[in-house]
Protein backbone atom coordinates (compact mmCIF):
# COMPACT_ATOMS: atom_id res chain seq x y z
CA MET A 1 0.00 0.00 0.00
CA SER A 2 1.43 3.42 -0.97
CA TYR A 3 0.48 6.89 0.15
CA THR A 4 0.86 10.15 -1.76
CA PRO A 5 0.75 13.67 -0.30
CA ARG A 6 -1.62 16.29 -1.62
CA SER A 7 -2.12 19.94 -0.75
CA LEU A 8 -5.39 21.13 0.72
CA PHE A 9 -5.65 23.70 -2.09
CA ARG A 10 -5.67 20.90 -4.66
CA LEU A 11 -8.21 18.88 -2.66
CA LEU A 12 -10.52 21.90 -2.49
CA GLU A 13 -10.08 22.55 -6.21
CA ASP A 14 -10.97 18.92 -6.93
CA ILE A 15 -14.08 19.22 -4.78
CA ASP A 16 -15.22 22.45 -6.45
CA GLY A 17 -14.46 21.01 -9.90
CA ASN A 18 -16.49 17.86 -9.17
CA ARG A 19 -13.39 15.75 -9.72
CA LEU A 20 -13.61 14.44 -6.16
CA LEU A 21 -17.02 12.91 -5.48
CA LEU A 22 -18.95 10.80 -2.98
CA PRO A 23 -20.36 7.37 -3.89
CA HIS A 24 -24.01 6.71 -3.18
CA ILE A 25 -23.04 4.29 -0.39
CA GLN A 26 -21.73 7.21 1.68
CA ARG A 27 -23.90 8.45 4.54
CA PRO A 28 -24.87 12.15 4.71
CA PHE A 29 -22.55 14.68 6.32
CA VAL A 30 -23.14 14.39 10.08
CA TRP A 31 -20.39 16.36 11.79
CA GLN A 32 -21.42 19.27 13.98
CA ALA A 33 -19.59 22.60 14.20
CA HIS A 34 -17.56 21.62 17.28
CA GLN A 35 -16.14 18.58 15.45
CA THR A 36 -15.07 20.78 12.54
CA GLU A 37 -13.47 23.21 14.97
CA ARG A 38 -11.49 20.46 16.70
CA LEU A 39 -10.26 19.21 13.33
CA PHE A 40 -9.06 22.74 12.51
CA ASP A 41 -7.34 23.08 15.89
CA SER A 42 -5.55 19.76 15.35
CA LEU A 43 -4.27 20.87 11.96
CA MET A 44 -3.11 24.23 13.32
CA ARG A 45 -1.12 22.35 15.96
CA ASP A 46 0.31 20.15 13.21
CA TYR A 47 -1.29 17.02 14.61
CA PRO A 48 -1.83 14.12 12.16
CA ILE A 49 -5.46 13.53 11.14
CA GLN A 50 -5.16 10.12 9.42
CA THR A 51 -5.16 9.44 5.71
CA PHE A 52 -7.94 9.71 3.14
CA LEU A 53 -9.02 6.69 1.10
CA PHE A 54 -9.99 7.38 -2.54
CA TRP A 55 -11.17 5.08 -5.33
CA ARG A 56 -10.62 5.91 -9.01
CA THR A 57 -13.02 4.10 -11.31
CA THR A 58 -14.98 4.20 -14.56
CA GLU A 59 -17.82 1.98 -13.25
CA ALA A 60 -21.43 3.13 -13.31
CA ILE A 61 -21.74 4.29 -9.71
CA ARG A 62 -24.08 7.05 -8.57
CA ALA A 63 -21.87 10.04 -7.82
CA ARG A 64 -22.77 12.76 -5.32
CA ARG A 65 -21.18 16.18 -5.14
CA PHE A 66 -19.88 17.71 -1.93
CA MET A 67 -21.97 20.57 -0.53
CA GLN A 68 -20.72 24.06 -1.35
CA VAL A 69 -22.57 25.26 1.75
CA VAL A 70 -23.08 22.72 4.53
CA ASP A 71 -26.79 22.20 5.10
CA PRO A 72 -27.75 19.56 7.72
CA ASP A 73 -31.15 19.16 6.00
CA ALA A 74 -29.84 19.04 2.43
CA ASP A 75 -31.77 17.00 -0.12
CA LEU A 76 -29.08 14.51 -1.14
CA SER A 77 -30.91 13.62 -4.34
CA ALA A 78 -30.23 17.16 -5.62
CA LEU A 79 -26.47 16.58 -5.27
CA TYR A 80 -26.23 13.57 -7.57
CA ASP A 81 -24.40 14.13 -10.87
CA LEU A 82 -25.90 11.82 -13.50
CA ASN A 83 -23.26 12.60 -16.11
CA ARG A 84 -20.40 11.74 -13.76
CA SER A 85 -22.26 8.61 -12.61
CA ALA A 86 -22.30 7.01 -16.05
CA ALA A 87 -20.18 4.02 -17.04
CA GLY A 88 -16.98 4.87 -18.85
CA VAL A 89 -16.63 8.25 -17.13
CA GLU A 90 -13.56 8.45 -14.92
CA LYS A 91 -14.19 9.76 -11.40
CA THR A 92 -12.57 9.61 -7.99
CA PHE A 93 -14.70 8.69 -4.99
CA VAL A 94 -13.99 9.37 -1.32
CA LEU A 95 -14.39 6.09 0.58
CA ASP A 96 -13.01 7.37 3.88
CA GLY A 97 -12.70 11.04 4.81
CA GLN A 98 -15.98 12.66 3.76
CA GLN A 99 -16.56 14.29 7.16
CA ARG A 100 -13.05 15.76 7.29
CA LEU A 101 -13.02 16.97 3.68
CA GLN A 102 -16.47 18.55 3.87
CA SER A 103 -15.45 20.25 7.11
CA LEU A 104 -12.23 21.58 5.57
CA HIS A 105 -14.16 22.89 2.58
CA SER A 106 -16.58 24.75 4.87
CA LEU A 107 -13.63 26.31 6.72
CA PHE A 108 -11.47 27.37 3.77
CA ARG A 109 -13.81 27.61 0.80
CA GLY A 110 -17.47 27.38 1.81
CA ALA A 111 -19.84 28.07 4.67
CA MET A 112 -22.40 26.49 6.99
CA LEU A 113 -26.11 27.23 7.20
CA ASN A 114 -27.30 28.27 10.64
CA GLY A 115 -30.74 27.62 12.10
CA SER A 116 -32.13 30.70 10.36
CA GLY A 117 -30.86 29.64 6.95
CA ALA A 118 -28.06 32.23 6.81
CA GLN A 119 -24.62 31.25 5.51
CA GLU A 120 -21.98 31.47 8.23
CA GLU A 121 -18.28 31.64 7.35
CA ALA A 122 -15.31 30.71 9.53
CA TYR A 123 -13.13 33.31 11.28
CA ILE A 124 -10.02 33.06 13.44
CA ASP A 125 -8.26 35.60 15.68
CA PRO A 126 -4.60 34.97 14.70
CA ALA A 127 -3.24 37.05 17.59
CA LEU A 128 -5.25 35.23 20.26
CA GLN A 129 -3.28 32.02 20.79
CA SER A 130 -1.19 31.95 23.94
CA GLY A 131 0.01 28.36 23.70
CA HIS A 132 -0.69 27.94 27.42
CA LEU A 133 -4.34 26.91 27.46
CA ALA A 134 -5.44 23.93 29.55
CA GLU A 135 -5.18 20.53 27.93
CA GLY A 136 -8.30 19.77 25.93
CA ASP A 137 -9.09 23.41 25.14
CA LEU A 138 -8.77 24.86 21.66
CA LEU A 139 -5.65 26.92 20.98
CA TYR A 140 -7.17 28.09 17.70
CA PRO A 141 -10.90 28.67 18.26
CA VAL A 142 -13.10 29.33 15.24
CA ARG A 143 -16.03 31.72 15.18
CA TRP A 144 -18.82 31.27 12.64
CA SER A 145 -20.65 34.36 11.46
CA ALA A 146 -23.09 35.35 8.71
CA ASP A 147 -21.86 38.95 8.95
CA ARG A 148 -18.35 40.21 8.29
CA LEU A 149 -16.59 40.28 11.66
CA PRO A 150 -14.44 43.28 12.60
CA LEU A 151 -10.71 43.06 13.27
CA PRO A 152 -8.92 41.20 14.73
CA TRP A 153 -11.10 38.42 13.31
CA PHE A 154 -9.68 37.10 10.06
CA ARG A 155 -11.93 35.32 7.54
CA ILE A 156 -10.14 32.04 6.72
CA ARG A 157 -11.64 32.06 3.23
CA ASP A 158 -9.68 35.24 2.44
CA LEU A 159 -6.57 33.08 2.07
CA VAL A 160 -7.95 31.64 -1.18
CA GLU A 161 -9.68 34.83 -2.30
CA ARG A 162 -8.35 38.23 -1.19
CA HIS A 163 -4.82 36.97 -0.42
CA GLN A 164 -4.58 34.16 -2.96
CA ASN A 165 -1.41 35.57 -4.55
CA GLY A 166 0.35 36.58 -1.32
CA ASN A 167 2.88 34.59 0.65
CA ALA A 168 2.52 33.95 4.37
CA LEU A 169 4.94 36.68 5.53
CA GLU A 170 3.34 39.32 3.33
CA ILE A 171 -0.15 38.43 4.59
CA ALA A 172 1.05 38.45 8.21
CA ASP A 173 2.67 41.88 7.76
CA ILE A 174 -0.56 43.26 6.28
CA LEU A 175 -2.57 41.90 9.20
CA ASN A 176 -0.13 43.17 11.82
CA GLU A 177 -0.38 46.61 10.27
CA GLN A 178 -4.18 46.43 10.28
CA PHE A 179 -4.10 45.18 13.88
CA SER A 180 -1.78 47.99 15.02
CA GLY A 181 -4.47 49.76 16.99
CA LEU A 182 -5.62 46.51 18.59
CA LEU A 183 -2.27 45.05 19.67
CA ALA A 184 -0.29 45.98 22.75
CA ALA A 185 1.20 49.51 22.51
CA SER A 186 4.83 48.45 22.51
CA GLY A 187 7.48 46.22 24.00
CA GLU A 188 7.72 42.45 24.29
CA GLU A 189 3.95 41.87 24.53
CA ARG A 190 3.40 43.49 21.14
CA ARG A 191 6.21 41.47 19.59
CA VAL A 192 4.68 38.26 21.00
CA GLN A 193 1.31 39.11 19.49
CA GLU A 194 2.87 39.88 16.10
CA ARG A 195 4.73 36.56 16.22
CA ARG A 196 1.45 34.78 16.92
CA VAL A 197 -0.06 36.37 13.81
CA ARG A 198 2.91 35.31 11.69
CA SER A 199 2.83 31.80 13.13
CA ALA A 200 -0.92 31.36 12.58
CA ILE A 201 -0.86 32.68 8.99
CA SER A 202 2.23 30.63 8.22
CA GLN A 203 0.49 27.43 9.36
CA LEU A 204 -2.70 28.30 7.46
CA SER A 205 -0.69 28.94 4.31
CA SER A 206 1.27 25.74 4.81
CA LEU A 207 -1.95 23.73 5.21
CA LEU A 208 -3.23 25.12 1.94
CA ASN A 209 -0.15 24.96 -0.21
CA HIS A 210 2.30 22.34 1.01
CA ASP A 211 2.17 18.63 0.16
CA LYS A 212 2.90 17.37 3.65
CA HIS A 213 -0.24 17.61 5.78
CA PHE A 214 -2.69 15.41 3.85
CA TRP A 215 -1.96 11.89 2.63
CA ILE A 216 -4.01 9.89 0.17
CA ASP A 217 -4.31 6.15 -0.32
CA GLU A 218 -5.91 5.75 -3.74
CA LEU A 219 -7.32 2.50 -5.07
CA ASP A 220 -6.82 2.73 -8.81
CA GLY A 221 -9.74 0.89 -10.34
CA VAL A 222 -8.83 2.12 -13.81
CA ALA A 223 -5.35 0.61 -14.00
CA LYS A 224 -6.12 -2.35 -11.72
CA GLN A 225 -9.04 -4.58 -10.87
CA TYR A 226 -11.04 -3.13 -7.97
CA PRO A 227 -14.60 -4.36 -8.62
CA TYR A 228 -17.50 -2.77 -6.78
CA ARG A 229 -18.02 -5.75 -4.46
CA HIS A 230 -14.40 -5.54 -3.35
CA ILE A 231 -14.78 -1.80 -2.76
CA LEU A 232 -17.97 -2.37 -0.79
CA GLU A 233 -16.17 -4.73 1.59
CA ILE A 234 -13.35 -2.18 2.04
CA PHE A 235 -15.87 0.61 2.63
CA VAL A 236 -17.70 -1.34 5.33
CA ARG A 237 -14.46 -2.14 7.13
CA VAL A 238 -12.90 1.33 7.07
CA ASN A 239 -16.17 2.91 8.20
CA SER A 240 -16.43 0.73 11.29
CA GLY A 241 -14.09 3.20 13.01
CA GLY A 242 -13.83 6.98 13.26
CA THR A 243 -17.29 8.55 13.22
CA LYS A 244 -19.22 5.34 13.78
CA LEU A 245 -21.70 4.21 11.20
CA THR A 246 -24.63 2.29 12.58
CA ALA A 247 -25.37 -1.22 11.46
CA GLY A 248 -28.15 0.29 9.39
CA ASP A 249 -25.72 2.64 7.60
CA LEU A 250 -23.52 -0.29 6.65
CA MET A 251 -26.55 -2.29 5.57
CA PHE A 252 -27.47 0.59 3.26
CA ALA A 253 -24.10 0.21 1.59
CA ALA A 254 -24.99 -3.35 0.63
CA MET A 255 -28.59 -2.55 -0.33
CA LYS A 256 -27.86 0.42 -2.60
CA GLU A 257 -26.14 -1.73 -5.18
CA GLY A 258 -29.40 -3.46 -6.00
CA TRP A 259 -31.93 -0.78 -5.10
CA ASP A 260 -30.85 2.73 -6.04
CA ASP A 261 -33.45 4.82 -4.24
CA VAL A 262 -33.70 2.75 -1.05
CA GLU A 263 -32.05 5.50 1.01
CA THR A 264 -34.50 8.16 -0.18
CA ARG A 265 -37.47 5.92 0.57
CA ILE A 266 -36.25 5.06 4.05
CA GLU A 267 -35.41 8.71 4.84
CA GLN A 268 -38.98 9.63 3.86
CA THR A 269 -40.27 6.82 6.08
CA LEU A 270 -38.26 8.12 9.04
CA ASP A 271 -39.63 11.63 8.49
CA LEU A 272 -43.13 10.16 8.49
CA LEU A 273 -42.67 8.09 11.65
CA ASN A 274 -40.84 10.74 13.66
CA GLY A 275 -43.16 13.60 12.79
CA GLY A 276 -40.56 16.12 13.91
CA ARG A 277 -40.76 14.93 17.53
CA LEU A 278 -39.39 11.39 17.80
CA THR A 279 -35.94 9.95 17.02
CA ILE A 280 -36.54 6.61 15.31
CA GLU A 281 -33.42 5.68 13.29
CA SER A 282 -32.77 3.80 10.07
CA ASP A 283 -31.97 0.53 11.89
CA PHE A 284 -35.62 0.42 12.96
CA VAL A 285 -36.91 0.58 9.38
CA LEU A 286 -34.41 -1.99 8.13
CA LYS A 287 -35.24 -4.44 10.91
CA ALA A 288 -38.94 -3.95 10.26
CA LEU A 289 -38.59 -4.60 6.53
CA SER A 290 -36.34 -7.61 7.03
CA LEU A 291 -38.70 -9.17 9.56
CA ALA A 292 -41.78 -8.48 7.43
CA HIS A 293 -40.14 -10.47 4.64
CA GLY A 294 -39.28 -13.36 6.95
CA GLU A 295 -35.52 -12.71 7.12
CA GLY A 296 -34.98 -12.03 10.83
CA ALA A 297 -34.06 -8.92 12.80
CA GLU A 298 -30.27 -9.12 12.55
CA ILE A 299 -28.70 -6.25 10.58
CA THR A 300 -25.85 -7.61 8.46
CA THR A 301 -24.50 -6.75 5.02
CA ALA A 302 -24.35 -10.48 4.23
CA LYS A 303 -28.16 -10.47 4.20
CA PHE A 304 -28.04 -8.59 0.88
CA GLU A 305 -25.26 -10.46 -0.86
CA GLY A 306 -25.47 -13.30 -3.34
CA THR A 307 -28.56 -14.85 -4.88
CA ARG A 308 -30.55 -14.80 -1.65
CA GLY A 309 -29.73 -11.15 -1.07
CA ALA A 310 -30.77 -10.22 -4.60
CA SER A 311 -34.05 -12.06 -4.08
CA LEU A 312 -34.73 -10.23 -0.80
CA LEU A 313 -34.01 -6.83 -2.35
CA SER A 314 -36.23 -7.67 -5.28
CA ARG A 315 -39.10 -8.63 -2.98
CA MET A 316 -38.63 -5.50 -0.85
CA GLU A 317 -38.68 -3.24 -3.88
CA ALA A 318 -41.65 -5.03 -5.46
CA GLN A 319 -43.68 -4.82 -2.24
CA TRP A 320 -42.62 -1.31 -1.24
CA ASP A 321 -46.14 0.09 -1.74
CA GLN A 322 -47.44 -2.47 0.74
CA ALA A 323 -44.66 -1.59 3.21
CA GLU A 324 -45.24 2.14 2.79
CA GLN A 325 -48.94 1.68 3.53
CA ALA A 326 -48.07 -0.34 6.66
CA PHE A 327 -45.71 2.43 7.84
CA ARG A 328 -48.50 4.98 7.30
CA GLU A 329 -50.91 2.84 9.31
CA LEU A 330 -48.26 2.49 12.01
CA ARG A 331 -47.82 6.27 12.17
CA ASP A 332 -51.59 6.68 12.43
CA PHE A 333 -51.63 4.14 15.26
CA MET A 334 -48.74 5.89 17.05
CA VAL A 335 -50.52 9.25 16.92
CA HIS A 336 -54.16 8.34 17.51
CA SER A 337 -53.96 5.22 19.70
CA LEU A 338 -50.61 5.42 21.49
CA ARG A 339 -50.40 9.25 21.58
CA LEU A 340 -46.62 9.12 21.10
CA GLN A 341 -45.38 12.69 20.90
CA ALA A 342 -42.09 12.55 22.83
CA ASN A 343 -39.06 10.29 23.32
CA ARG A 344 -39.55 10.64 27.05
CA VAL A 345 -42.52 8.26 27.06
CA VAL A 346 -40.82 5.54 24.97
CA ARG A 347 -38.32 3.14 26.48
CA SER A 348 -37.85 1.09 23.30
CA TYR A 349 -38.99 1.85 19.77
CA ASN A 350 -38.29 -1.78 18.89
CA ALA A 351 -41.64 -2.66 20.42
CA LEU A 352 -43.27 -1.00 17.40
CA ILE A 353 -41.67 -3.40 14.92
CA PRO A 354 -44.04 -6.35 15.56
CA LEU A 355 -46.91 -3.90 15.08
CA PHE A 356 -45.51 -2.92 11.68
CA VAL A 357 -45.17 -6.57 10.66
CA HIS A 358 -48.75 -7.22 11.78
CA LEU A 359 -50.00 -4.23 9.74
CA PHE A 360 -47.90 -5.33 6.75
CA HIS A 361 -49.68 -8.70 6.68
CA ARG A 362 -52.98 -7.73 8.34
CA PRO A 363 -53.72 -4.10 7.39
CA LYS A 364 -56.59 -1.89 8.54
CA PRO A 365 -57.16 -3.17 12.09
CA ASP A 366 -60.60 -2.83 13.64
CA GLU A 367 -61.17 -1.24 17.04
CA PHE A 368 -60.74 -4.51 18.96
CA ARG A 369 -57.36 -5.16 17.32
CA ARG A 370 -56.25 -1.60 18.06
CA VAL A 371 -57.08 -2.14 21.76
CA GLN A 372 -54.98 -5.32 21.82
CA MET A 373 -52.10 -3.65 19.95
CA THR A 374 -52.20 -0.69 22.34
CA ALA A 375 -52.09 -2.97 25.36
CA TYR A 376 -49.14 -4.89 23.89
CA PHE A 377 -47.11 -1.72 23.28
CA HIS A 378 -47.65 -0.31 26.77
CA LYS A 379 -46.86 -3.66 28.40
CA ALA A 380 -43.61 -3.80 26.41
CA GLN A 381 -42.65 -0.32 27.65
CA LEU A 382 -43.69 -0.71 31.28
CA PHE A 383 -42.31 -4.20 31.84
CA GLY A 384 -39.08 -3.87 29.83
CA TRP A 385 -39.84 -6.56 27.29
CA PHE A 386 -37.16 -5.18 24.94
CA GLY A 387 -34.56 -4.37 27.56
CA SER A 388 -32.23 -7.16 26.37
CA GLN A 389 -31.89 -9.79 23.64
CA THR A 390 -33.75 -7.46 21.30
CA ASP A 391 -33.16 -9.30 18.03
CA ALA A 392 -33.99 -12.68 19.57
CA THR A 393 -37.18 -11.25 21.07
CA LEU A 394 -38.22 -9.72 17.76
CA ASN A 395 -37.56 -12.96 15.93
CA VAL A 396 -39.74 -14.94 18.34
CA LEU A 397 -42.64 -12.46 18.32
CA VAL A 398 -42.63 -11.95 14.57
CA GLY A 399 -42.30 -15.69 14.02
CA ARG A 400 -45.52 -16.17 15.95
CA LEU A 401 -47.21 -13.33 14.11
CA LEU A 402 -46.32 -14.82 10.73
CA LYS A 403 -47.51 -18.29 11.72
CA SER A 404 -50.88 -17.01 12.91
CA THR A 405 -53.71 -17.45 10.44
CA ALA A 406 -56.13 -15.29 12.40
CA SER A 407 -56.53 -11.58 11.70
CA ALA A 408 -56.56 -10.69 15.41
CA PHE A 409 -53.41 -9.43 17.11
CA PRO A 410 -52.18 -12.34 19.28
CA LEU A 411 -51.85 -10.47 22.59
CA ASP A 412 -52.61 -13.56 24.71
CA GLU A 413 -49.94 -15.63 22.97
CA ILE A 414 -47.36 -12.85 23.33
CA THR A 415 -48.05 -12.31 27.04
CA GLN A 416 -47.87 -16.07 27.60
CA TYR A 417 -44.44 -16.13 25.95
CA PHE A 418 -43.08 -13.39 28.20
CA ARG A 419 -44.64 -14.90 31.32
CA SER A 420 -43.53 -18.46 30.71
CA SER A 421 -40.38 -18.29 28.59
CA ARG A 422 -38.88 -15.03 29.75
CA GLY A 423 -40.20 -14.95 33.32
CA VAL A 424 -41.13 -11.27 33.20
CA ARG A 425 -44.26 -9.48 34.33
CA VAL A 426 -47.15 -9.01 31.93
CA GLU A 427 -49.78 -7.18 34.04
CA LEU A 428 -49.88 -4.02 36.09
CA ALA A 429 -49.19 -4.21 39.80
CA ASP A 430 -49.70 -1.63 42.55
CA SER A 431 -45.92 -1.34 42.86
CA ASP A 432 -45.80 0.18 39.36
CA LEU A 433 -47.60 3.25 40.68
CA TRP A 434 -44.66 3.89 43.01
CA ASP A 435 -41.90 3.37 40.44
CA THR A 436 -40.42 6.81 39.74
CA ARG A 437 -38.99 5.63 36.39
CA LEU A 438 -42.48 4.82 35.12
CA ARG A 439 -44.26 8.01 36.14
CA PRO A 440 -43.99 9.83 32.79
CA LEU A 441 -45.20 6.72 30.95
CA LEU A 442 -48.09 6.14 33.34
CA LEU A 443 -49.22 9.75 33.39
CA ASN A 444 -49.03 9.91 29.60
CA ILE A 445 -51.36 6.90 29.40
CA VAL A 446 -53.74 8.47 31.92
CA TYR A 447 -53.94 11.86 30.20
CA SER A 448 -54.24 10.28 26.77
CA ARG A 449 -56.99 7.90 27.90
CA ALA A 450 -58.95 10.49 29.85
CA TRP A 451 -58.73 13.31 27.30
CA GLY A 452 -57.86 11.70 23.97
CA GLU A 453 -54.71 13.76 23.50
CA SER A 454 -51.07 13.60 24.46
CA PRO A 455 -49.90 16.09 27.09
CA PHE A 456 -46.64 16.21 25.10
CA ASP A 457 -48.41 17.60 22.03
CA VAL A 458 -47.29 21.13 22.90
CA SER A 459 -47.38 24.14 20.61
CA PHE A 460 -43.76 25.14 21.09
CA LYS A 461 -40.59 23.24 21.87
CA GLY A 462 -39.39 23.55 25.43
CA ASN A 463 -42.83 23.41 27.00
CA GLU A 464 -42.98 19.63 27.32
CA PRO A 465 -44.71 18.76 30.59
CA HIS A 466 -43.01 18.24 33.93
CA VAL A 467 -44.28 16.04 36.73
CA ASP A 468 -45.79 18.36 39.35
CA HIS A 469 -47.32 17.93 42.83
CA ILE A 470 -50.96 18.99 43.11
CA TYR A 471 -50.61 19.59 46.85
CA PRO A 472 -47.22 21.40 47.18
CA GLN A 473 -44.70 18.96 48.59
CA HIS A 474 -42.88 21.33 50.92
CA MET A 475 -46.19 22.39 52.51
CA LEU A 476 -47.26 18.78 52.98
CA ARG A 477 -43.97 18.09 54.70
CA SER A 478 -43.62 21.23 56.80
CA ARG A 479 -47.25 21.90 57.76
CA LEU A 480 -48.92 18.48 57.79
CA GLY A 481 -45.95 16.26 58.56
CA PHE A 482 -46.31 13.85 55.64
CA GLY A 483 -43.34 11.78 54.49
CA ASN A 484 -41.98 11.17 51.00
CA ARG A 485 -44.17 8.15 50.25
CA GLU A 486 -47.41 10.01 50.94
CA ILE A 487 -46.18 13.19 49.20
CA ASN A 488 -44.97 11.41 46.05
CA ASP A 489 -48.04 9.20 45.72
CA ILE A 490 -49.10 9.18 42.05
CA GLY A 491 -52.48 10.34 43.32
CA ASN A 492 -50.79 13.70 43.99
CA LEU A 493 -48.89 13.92 40.69
CA ARG A 494 -49.90 15.52 37.43
CA PHE A 495 -48.36 16.89 34.24
CA VAL A 496 -47.89 20.63 33.82
CA GLY A 497 -46.19 22.50 30.98
CA ALA A 498 -42.59 23.47 31.70
CA THR A 499 -43.31 27.19 31.28
CA ASP A 500 -46.34 27.05 33.58
CA ASN A 501 -44.34 25.05 36.10
CA ILE A 502 -41.64 27.71 36.22
CA ARG A 503 -44.22 30.47 36.69
CA LYS A 504 -46.29 28.49 39.17
CA ARG A 505 -46.30 29.97 42.65
CA ALA A 506 -46.34 28.01 45.91
CA GLU A 507 -50.13 28.18 46.14
CA LEU A 508 -52.61 25.95 47.95
CA PRO A 509 -54.61 23.72 45.57
CA ALA A 510 -58.05 25.13 46.42
CA SER A 511 -56.93 28.63 45.43
CA TYR A 512 -54.78 27.55 42.49
CA PHE A 513 -57.35 25.31 40.78
CA ALA A 514 -60.21 27.73 41.46
CA ARG A 515 -58.19 30.41 39.67
CA LEU A 516 -57.51 28.07 36.74
CA LYS A 517 -61.19 27.13 36.53
CA ARG A 518 -62.22 30.81 36.40
CA SER A 519 -59.73 31.25 33.54
CA GLY A 520 -61.40 28.47 31.55
CA VAL A 521 -58.69 25.85 32.08
CA PRO A 522 -60.21 22.33 32.06
CA ILE A 523 -59.00 21.30 35.50
CA GLU A 524 -60.80 17.94 35.19
CA LYS A 525 -57.90 16.61 33.12
CA HIS A 526 -55.58 17.22 36.07
CA LEU A 527 -57.77 16.40 39.06
CA LEU A 528 -59.66 13.46 37.47
CA VAL A 529 -62.02 13.17 40.45
CA LEU A 530 -65.28 14.90 39.52
CA ASP A 531 -66.22 16.02 43.06
CA PHE A 532 -63.03 18.06 43.39
CA ALA A 533 -62.93 19.22 39.76
CA THR A 534 -66.49 20.55 40.00
CA ASP A 535 -65.74 22.48 43.19
CA PRO A 536 -62.00 23.10 43.77
CA ALA A 537 -62.84 24.68 47.13
CA ARG A 538 -63.18 21.11 48.43
CA LEU A 539 -59.39 20.75 48.13
CA ALA A 540 -58.96 21.85 51.73
CA PHE A 541 -55.44 21.80 53.11
CA ASP A 542 -55.73 19.28 55.90
CA ALA A 543 -54.54 15.71 56.38
CA ASP A 544 -57.94 14.02 56.03
CA THR A 545 -58.83 15.85 52.81
CA TYR A 546 -55.43 15.17 51.30
CA ASP A 547 -55.64 11.44 52.15
CA ARG A 548 -59.13 11.22 50.66
CA PHE A 549 -58.19 13.16 47.51
CA ARG A 550 -55.02 11.23 46.67
CA GLY A 551 -56.74 7.91 47.43
CA MET A 552 -59.68 8.66 45.15
CA ARG A 553 -57.42 10.02 42.41
CA ARG A 554 -55.04 7.04 42.64
CA ASP A 555 -58.02 4.70 42.26
CA GLU A 556 -59.13 6.57 39.13
CA ILE A 557 -55.59 6.45 37.73
CA TRP A 558 -55.47 2.71 38.41
CA ARG A 559 -58.81 2.22 36.64
CA LEU A 560 -57.67 4.18 33.56
CA LEU A 561 -54.35 2.35 33.39
CA ARG A 562 -55.96 -1.07 33.68
CA THR A 563 -58.41 -0.21 30.90
CA VAL A 564 -55.50 0.50 28.56
CA VAL A 565 -52.74 -1.88 29.69
CA ASP A 566 -54.78 -4.87 30.88
CA PRO A 567 -58.07 -4.51 28.96
CA ASP A 568 -59.21 -8.11 29.38
CA ALA A 569 -58.54 -8.09 33.13
CA ALA A 570 -60.28 -4.73 33.48
CA VAL A 571 -63.40 -6.05 31.75
CA ALA A 572 -63.38 -9.18 33.91
CA THR A 573 -63.10 -7.06 37.07
CA GLN A 574 -65.97 -4.84 36.01
CA GLY A 575 -68.04 -7.92 35.20
């Protein structure tokens, strides 16, 4: 294996000239600003940053351009170059180093979009570095700005634009003259600052122009035999380090060879499922598809290789409309039956995968099936059914789903499996009401059941609900002498928006809820017990009233939870 040096200037020119491209198997750019800044600091300190791995080829491989302006939400399909992708056209692909090269381009040649959509460019204060900062800090901090920053901030991009024909010493002298009113008046301190400017500009110029900082290992697929399958294996291996790719990312690399637009379809599916609030990842979709087609939950590239892999890809592509409809039904179920609007009330998204498989093979569930599916999901979350051995659990559950000839969701069979084979709980117990880890999940079920809406469906980010005490805890402790168990009884807990919780005064419940009621706030959703919700004045602050209120409210919470989580048991009890 041989390595060749290359200047950053040439690398940037190759990127801008579309001579250096990204293969379709590459993931999107994922680095954040702080990672780019640490890369820059390492280079300014002359630290090594590892080599880049390129592949020169004339094969027909979909070629993607680098971004001129880094946009985290870029539409990757708009970056593909069909002419460069064609067979017989020579191109060089980056197999390892996309994150570093895109970052370097944004620093020296491009920009980054901020949250408002403005293009921010990179600046450095070349006189700032002391060389004596604590270990781990940046000696060469970068500032990103959409507006031209005043001196002493120097726009890094000026090195390849305004000062493209100047040498390092000339540029440093110009800057020191411009900085004259900002540097120390005279003496050794001024000379130190001027030396810092010369040192910083010298290193920046060296990074751009000298063939000693960046080393390339290029696989020449034009002169030698480097078939795509060989390249794919290399790609998977080199990308198992550095910025980690998930198993799903590596699986994409194998899938894209046989199904060009699989990434676009799965990205659209993730947007659908997450709805801007959740964080389901690509592994979820891949596991769901694999299981729906009877191929198990394990995510491996081998699953898509050879004759069997080609057959699986062909079936997935041919039945994509059916899968897409099942994902849409799953999203509808998540929103209208489970009321999932926040990561905080989900312990494992994997519990949704058997529901997808069921909808894939048994679409359009009736109300009874939706009740059983809802109970299954909440049991899985509350009792930790997917806390370990996830793939094995999915394989067992989906295996039973696929063997079932009935249209009903097999809740009884699933609960029997977890009770008998896994030895875990399958029904609510009173102890669950005291488990602090379960409170958000339990209260979300209660609010959703009682009012048909998620308390996490807030109008602005940052106002997601907090768990709050209806009777103020410090007053219960200091005035009535209650202990933690009585104070933190779920009968005394509710959800309240974060903003309201911050503004909320230490006010007795009779006064507080009467004031809310006069303002038109539906206090029934918080109090649950009709006697107290109808007349908040009954929320007297004494031990007997508090005991009666929390007992009655806990009983109502228990009833609502059993109706959702253990529907068959709840019906039997009522009968």
